[in-house]
C-alpha cells in the first residue's frame, strides 16, 4: 500500500490473525443527520489487477450528528480470491454427482473443476 497524503493511515490488522484490515479516517469530520459523507482514505493499494485509491461512504441514519476523529476506525478491508469455474449444461446427474441434499433442486448444471 502507499500513503498518498501524510495524514493517511496504512491498513492494519487488529490482531495477528485478523481476516480484515482496519481502515482509519485521515481527518476529523462530522456527518449531519440523515446525510452521507465520502471520506477519502488517501491510500492506494496494489491488488492483482492494479492500483486503486480508496474512499469510504458513511451514512448517518441517526437523529444526531456523528463525529469522526482522525485515526478512528471507519471500515474494514476484506480481500478474497474469487474462482470462475466453467459451467456445462447436462441432461441429468447421478445422486453422487448432485450431492443430494445440497442444492438438490439444481440437477441440470455440472461444474467442471
N, C-alpha and C. Protein backbone atom coordinates (compact mmCIF):
# COMPACT_ATOMS: atom_id res chain seq x y z
N UNK A 1 0.84 -1.18 0.00
CA UNK A 1 0.00 0.00 0.00
C UNK A 1 0.88 1.23 0.00
N UNK A 2 0.29 2.35 -0.36
CA UNK A 2 1.03 3.61 -0.43
C UNK A 2 0.17 4.72 0.16
N UNK A 3 0.78 5.52 1.04
CA UNK A 3 0.09 6.68 1.58
C UNK A 3 0.21 7.81 0.56
N UNK A 4 -0.93 8.39 0.18
CA UNK A 4 -0.93 9.49 -0.79
C UNK A 4 -0.80 10.83 -0.07
N UNK A 5 -1.12 10.86 1.20
CA UNK A 5 -1.06 12.09 2.00
C UNK A 5 -0.42 11.76 3.34
N UNK A 6 0.26 12.73 3.93
CA UNK A 6 0.97 12.48 5.19
C UNK A 6 0.04 12.13 6.34
N UNK A 7 -1.23 12.53 6.29
CA UNK A 7 -2.18 12.22 7.36
C UNK A 7 -2.82 10.85 7.23
N UNK A 8 -2.55 10.14 6.16
CA UNK A 8 -3.18 8.83 5.93
C UNK A 8 -2.62 7.78 6.89
N UNK A 9 -3.43 6.76 7.12
CA UNK A 9 -3.02 5.62 7.93
C UNK A 9 -2.94 4.39 7.04
N UNK A 10 -1.90 3.61 7.19
CA UNK A 10 -1.80 2.34 6.47
C UNK A 10 -2.82 1.37 7.06
N UNK A 11 -3.43 0.52 6.23
CA UNK A 11 -4.34 -0.50 6.76
C UNK A 11 -3.57 -1.43 7.71
N UNK A 12 -4.20 -1.79 8.84
CA UNK A 12 -3.52 -2.67 9.80
C UNK A 12 -4.49 -3.74 10.30
N UNK A 13 -3.93 -4.85 10.75
CA UNK A 13 -4.72 -5.90 11.39
C UNK A 13 -4.81 -5.60 12.89
N UNK A 14 -6.00 -5.76 13.44
CA UNK A 14 -6.18 -5.53 14.88
C UNK A 14 -5.44 -6.59 15.69
N UNK A 15 -5.40 -7.82 15.17
CA UNK A 15 -4.66 -8.91 15.79
C UNK A 15 -3.88 -9.63 14.69
N UNK A 16 -2.86 -10.39 15.04
CA UNK A 16 -2.04 -11.04 14.01
C UNK A 16 -2.82 -11.92 13.02
N UNK A 17 -3.92 -12.52 13.44
CA UNK A 17 -4.66 -13.42 12.56
C UNK A 17 -6.01 -12.85 12.12
N UNK A 18 -6.19 -11.53 12.20
CA UNK A 18 -7.43 -10.91 11.72
C UNK A 18 -7.56 -11.11 10.22
N UNK A 19 -8.76 -11.46 9.77
CA UNK A 19 -9.00 -11.63 8.34
C UNK A 19 -9.10 -10.29 7.62
N UNK A 20 -9.53 -9.26 8.33
CA UNK A 20 -9.72 -7.94 7.73
C UNK A 20 -8.63 -6.98 8.18
N UNK A 21 -8.46 -5.95 7.39
CA UNK A 21 -7.55 -4.86 7.74
C UNK A 21 -8.40 -3.65 8.14
N UNK A 22 -8.05 -3.02 9.24
CA UNK A 22 -8.78 -1.83 9.69
C UNK A 22 -8.37 -0.63 8.85
N UNK A 23 -9.36 0.18 8.47
CA UNK A 23 -9.14 1.41 7.72
C UNK A 23 -9.53 2.57 8.62
N UNK A 24 -8.63 3.55 8.73
CA UNK A 24 -8.84 4.66 9.66
C UNK A 24 -9.02 5.98 8.92
N UNK A 25 -9.78 6.87 9.54
CA UNK A 25 -10.03 8.18 8.96
C UNK A 25 -8.76 9.03 9.03
N UNK A 26 -8.37 9.67 7.92
CA UNK A 26 -7.19 10.52 7.94
C UNK A 26 -7.46 11.92 8.49
N UNK A 27 -8.74 12.24 8.78
CA UNK A 27 -9.06 13.58 9.25
C UNK A 27 -10.30 13.58 10.14
N UNK A 28 -10.47 14.68 10.86
CA UNK A 28 -11.68 14.88 11.65
C UNK A 28 -12.80 15.31 10.72
N UNK A 29 -14.01 14.85 10.97
CA UNK A 29 -15.15 15.32 10.19
C UNK A 29 -16.44 15.03 10.93
N UNK A 30 -17.49 15.68 10.51
CA UNK A 30 -18.82 15.48 11.06
C UNK A 30 -19.75 15.03 9.95
N UNK A 31 -20.71 14.18 10.31
CA UNK A 31 -21.75 13.79 9.37
C UNK A 31 -23.07 14.24 9.97
N UNK A 32 -23.74 15.14 9.29
CA UNK A 32 -25.02 15.66 9.75
C UNK A 32 -26.07 14.55 9.74
N UNK A 33 -27.16 14.75 10.45
CA UNK A 33 -28.23 13.76 10.49
C UNK A 33 -28.80 13.53 9.09
N UNK A 34 -29.12 12.29 8.80
CA UNK A 34 -29.70 11.89 7.51
C UNK A 34 -28.85 12.31 6.31
N UNK A 35 -27.54 12.37 6.50
CA UNK A 35 -26.63 12.74 5.42
C UNK A 35 -25.53 11.69 5.28
N UNK A 36 -24.84 11.76 4.18
CA UNK A 36 -23.70 10.88 3.95
C UNK A 36 -22.45 11.71 3.72
N UNK A 37 -21.32 11.06 3.85
CA UNK A 37 -20.05 11.75 3.62
C UNK A 37 -19.06 10.77 3.03
N UNK A 38 -18.42 11.18 1.95
CA UNK A 38 -17.38 10.38 1.33
C UNK A 38 -16.06 10.77 1.98
N UNK A 39 -15.40 9.80 2.60
CA UNK A 39 -14.13 10.06 3.28
C UNK A 39 -13.02 9.41 2.47
N UNK A 40 -12.17 10.23 1.90
CA UNK A 40 -11.03 9.71 1.15
C UNK A 40 -9.98 9.24 2.14
N UNK A 41 -9.55 8.01 1.98
CA UNK A 41 -8.58 7.44 2.91
C UNK A 41 -7.15 7.87 2.59
N UNK A 42 -6.94 8.41 1.40
CA UNK A 42 -5.62 8.89 0.96
C UNK A 42 -4.57 7.78 0.93
N UNK A 43 -5.01 6.59 0.56
CA UNK A 43 -4.09 5.47 0.38
C UNK A 43 -4.40 4.82 -0.97
N UNK A 44 -3.42 4.14 -1.51
CA UNK A 44 -3.67 3.31 -2.68
C UNK A 44 -3.14 1.93 -2.35
N UNK A 45 -3.78 0.93 -2.90
CA UNK A 45 -3.44 -0.45 -2.60
C UNK A 45 -3.22 -1.20 -3.90
N UNK A 46 -2.12 -1.92 -3.97
CA UNK A 46 -1.83 -2.71 -5.17
C UNK A 46 -2.47 -4.08 -5.00
N UNK A 47 -3.40 -4.38 -5.88
CA UNK A 47 -4.05 -5.68 -5.94
C UNK A 47 -3.68 -6.30 -7.28
N UNK A 48 -3.96 -7.57 -7.49
CA UNK A 48 -3.54 -8.21 -8.74
C UNK A 48 -3.91 -7.45 -10.01
N UNK A 49 -5.05 -6.75 -10.03
CA UNK A 49 -5.45 -6.08 -11.26
C UNK A 49 -5.06 -4.61 -11.33
N UNK A 50 -4.31 -4.09 -10.37
CA UNK A 50 -3.85 -2.72 -10.49
C UNK A 50 -3.84 -1.95 -9.20
N UNK A 51 -3.81 -0.64 -9.31
CA UNK A 51 -3.74 0.25 -8.16
C UNK A 51 -5.06 1.01 -8.03
N UNK A 52 -5.52 1.18 -6.81
CA UNK A 52 -6.77 1.85 -6.57
C UNK A 52 -6.61 2.88 -5.47
N UNK A 53 -7.37 3.95 -5.54
CA UNK A 53 -7.45 4.92 -4.45
C UNK A 53 -8.73 4.57 -3.69
N UNK A 54 -8.64 4.53 -2.38
CA UNK A 54 -9.76 4.06 -1.58
C UNK A 54 -10.48 5.20 -0.88
N UNK A 55 -11.80 5.07 -0.81
CA UNK A 55 -12.64 6.01 -0.06
C UNK A 55 -13.75 5.20 0.59
N UNK A 56 -14.35 5.77 1.62
CA UNK A 56 -15.43 5.11 2.35
C UNK A 56 -16.62 6.07 2.37
N UNK A 57 -17.79 5.56 2.01
CA UNK A 57 -19.01 6.36 2.10
C UNK A 57 -19.73 5.97 3.38
N UNK A 58 -19.87 6.94 4.28
CA UNK A 58 -20.57 6.71 5.54
C UNK A 58 -21.88 7.49 5.52
N UNK A 59 -22.95 6.85 5.97
CA UNK A 59 -24.27 7.48 6.00
C UNK A 59 -24.76 7.49 7.45
N UNK A 60 -25.19 8.65 7.91
CA UNK A 60 -25.69 8.81 9.26
C UNK A 60 -27.21 8.72 9.24
N UNK A 61 -27.75 7.60 9.67
CA UNK A 61 -29.20 7.40 9.71
C UNK A 61 -29.80 7.81 11.06
N UNK A 62 -28.98 8.30 11.97
CA UNK A 62 -29.49 8.65 13.30
C UNK A 62 -30.05 10.08 13.30
N UNK A 63 -30.58 10.48 14.44
CA UNK A 63 -31.12 11.84 14.56
C UNK A 63 -30.15 12.78 15.27
N UNK A 64 -28.88 12.37 15.41
CA UNK A 64 -27.85 13.22 16.00
C UNK A 64 -26.64 13.27 15.07
N UNK A 65 -25.87 14.35 15.18
CA UNK A 65 -24.65 14.47 14.37
C UNK A 65 -23.66 13.38 14.78
N UNK A 66 -22.90 12.89 13.82
CA UNK A 66 -21.91 11.84 14.08
C UNK A 66 -20.53 12.43 13.86
N UNK A 67 -19.68 12.36 14.87
CA UNK A 67 -18.33 12.92 14.78
C UNK A 67 -17.31 11.82 14.57
N UNK A 68 -16.41 12.06 13.64
CA UNK A 68 -15.31 11.14 13.38
C UNK A 68 -14.02 11.89 13.67
N UNK A 69 -13.16 11.27 14.45
CA UNK A 69 -11.86 11.86 14.75
C UNK A 69 -10.79 11.18 13.92
N UNK A 70 -9.77 11.92 13.58
CA UNK A 70 -8.64 11.36 12.85
C UNK A 70 -8.12 10.13 13.59
N UNK A 71 -7.97 9.03 12.88
CA UNK A 71 -7.48 7.80 13.48
C UNK A 71 -8.58 6.83 13.90
N UNK A 72 -9.86 7.28 13.88
CA UNK A 72 -10.96 6.36 14.18
C UNK A 72 -11.08 5.31 13.09
N UNK A 73 -11.33 4.07 13.50
CA UNK A 73 -11.58 3.01 12.52
C UNK A 73 -12.96 3.25 11.93
N UNK A 74 -13.03 3.36 10.60
CA UNK A 74 -14.31 3.64 9.95
C UNK A 74 -14.76 2.53 9.00
N UNK A 75 -13.88 1.59 8.71
CA UNK A 75 -14.25 0.48 7.81
C UNK A 75 -13.20 -0.61 7.94
N UNK A 76 -13.49 -1.74 7.29
CA UNK A 76 -12.52 -2.83 7.22
C UNK A 76 -12.39 -3.28 5.78
N UNK A 77 -11.18 -3.67 5.42
CA UNK A 77 -10.89 -4.18 4.09
C UNK A 77 -10.76 -5.69 4.16
N UNK A 78 -11.53 -6.36 3.33
CA UNK A 78 -11.50 -7.82 3.27
C UNK A 78 -11.22 -8.22 1.83
N UNK A 79 -10.13 -8.91 1.60
CA UNK A 79 -9.77 -9.36 0.25
C UNK A 79 -10.02 -10.86 0.16
N UNK A 80 -10.64 -11.27 -0.92
CA UNK A 80 -10.95 -12.68 -1.10
C UNK A 80 -10.69 -13.07 -2.54
N UNK A 81 -10.02 -14.19 -2.72
CA UNK A 81 -9.79 -14.70 -4.06
C UNK A 81 -11.09 -15.27 -4.60
N UNK A 82 -11.37 -14.98 -5.85
CA UNK A 82 -12.58 -15.48 -6.49
C UNK A 82 -12.18 -16.42 -7.62
N UNK A 83 -12.80 -17.59 -7.64
CA UNK A 83 -12.60 -18.54 -8.73
C UNK A 83 -13.76 -18.42 -9.70
N UNK A 84 -13.49 -18.65 -10.97
CA UNK A 84 -14.51 -18.62 -12.01
C UNK A 84 -14.58 -19.98 -12.68
N UNK A 85 -15.31 -20.93 -12.07
CA UNK A 85 -15.38 -22.28 -12.65
C UNK A 85 -16.14 -22.26 -13.98
N UNK A 86 -15.79 -23.20 -14.85
CA UNK A 86 -16.52 -23.36 -16.11
C UNK A 86 -17.82 -24.10 -15.82
N UNK A 87 -18.90 -23.70 -16.44
CA UNK A 87 -20.21 -24.32 -16.24
C UNK A 87 -20.61 -25.02 -17.52
N UNK A 88 -21.14 -26.23 -17.37
CA UNK A 88 -21.55 -27.05 -18.51
C UNK A 88 -22.95 -27.58 -18.26
N UNK A 89 -23.84 -27.41 -19.23
CA UNK A 89 -25.20 -27.94 -19.11
C UNK A 89 -25.22 -29.41 -19.49
N UNK A 90 -25.94 -30.22 -18.69
CA UNK A 90 -26.10 -31.65 -18.98
C UNK A 90 -27.55 -32.04 -18.76
N UNK A 91 -27.92 -33.22 -19.20
CA UNK A 91 -29.31 -33.66 -19.07
C UNK A 91 -29.67 -34.12 -17.66
N UNK A 92 -28.74 -34.78 -16.96
CA UNK A 92 -29.03 -35.27 -15.61
C UNK A 92 -27.74 -35.55 -14.87
N UNK A 93 -27.87 -35.72 -13.56
CA UNK A 93 -26.74 -36.06 -12.69
C UNK A 93 -27.09 -37.30 -11.89
N UNK A 94 -26.08 -38.07 -11.55
CA UNK A 94 -26.31 -39.19 -10.64
C UNK A 94 -26.45 -38.62 -9.23
N UNK A 95 -26.93 -39.43 -8.30
CA UNK A 95 -27.07 -38.97 -6.91
C UNK A 95 -25.72 -38.53 -6.36
N UNK A 96 -24.67 -39.25 -6.67
CA UNK A 96 -23.33 -38.89 -6.20
C UNK A 96 -22.92 -37.54 -6.77
N UNK A 97 -23.17 -37.31 -8.05
CA UNK A 97 -22.78 -36.04 -8.66
C UNK A 97 -23.60 -34.87 -8.13
N UNK A 98 -24.87 -35.10 -7.85
CA UNK A 98 -25.72 -33.99 -7.41
C UNK A 98 -25.57 -33.70 -5.93
N UNK A 99 -24.91 -34.59 -5.20
CA UNK A 99 -24.74 -34.42 -3.74
C UNK A 99 -26.10 -34.17 -3.11
N UNK A 100 -26.97 -35.12 -3.26
CA UNK A 100 -28.35 -35.00 -2.82
C UNK A 100 -28.45 -34.30 -1.47
N UNK A 101 -29.31 -33.32 -1.39
CA UNK A 101 -29.49 -32.55 -0.16
C UNK A 101 -28.80 -31.20 -0.22
N UNK A 102 -27.77 -31.07 -1.02
CA UNK A 102 -27.08 -29.79 -1.16
C UNK A 102 -27.43 -29.25 -2.55
N UNK A 103 -28.23 -28.22 -2.59
CA UNK A 103 -28.69 -27.65 -3.86
C UNK A 103 -29.28 -28.73 -4.76
N UNK A 104 -30.06 -29.63 -4.19
CA UNK A 104 -30.55 -30.77 -4.97
C UNK A 104 -31.65 -30.39 -5.96
N UNK A 105 -32.08 -29.14 -5.96
CA UNK A 105 -33.06 -28.72 -6.97
C UNK A 105 -32.38 -28.32 -8.27
N UNK A 106 -31.07 -28.19 -8.26
CA UNK A 106 -30.34 -27.80 -9.47
C UNK A 106 -29.65 -29.04 -10.01
N UNK A 107 -30.36 -29.83 -10.78
CA UNK A 107 -29.81 -31.10 -11.26
C UNK A 107 -29.39 -31.02 -12.72
N UNK A 108 -29.45 -29.87 -13.32
CA UNK A 108 -29.12 -29.76 -14.73
C UNK A 108 -27.81 -29.05 -15.01
N UNK A 109 -27.08 -28.67 -13.97
CA UNK A 109 -25.81 -27.97 -14.17
C UNK A 109 -24.70 -28.72 -13.46
N UNK A 110 -23.61 -28.96 -14.19
CA UNK A 110 -22.42 -29.55 -13.59
C UNK A 110 -21.29 -28.54 -13.70
N UNK A 111 -20.47 -28.48 -12.71
CA UNK A 111 -19.35 -27.55 -12.73
C UNK A 111 -18.07 -28.33 -12.94
N UNK A 112 -17.34 -27.97 -14.00
CA UNK A 112 -16.03 -28.59 -14.25
C UNK A 112 -15.02 -27.98 -13.31
N UNK A 113 -14.18 -28.81 -12.73
CA UNK A 113 -13.18 -28.27 -11.81
C UNK A 113 -11.79 -28.50 -12.34
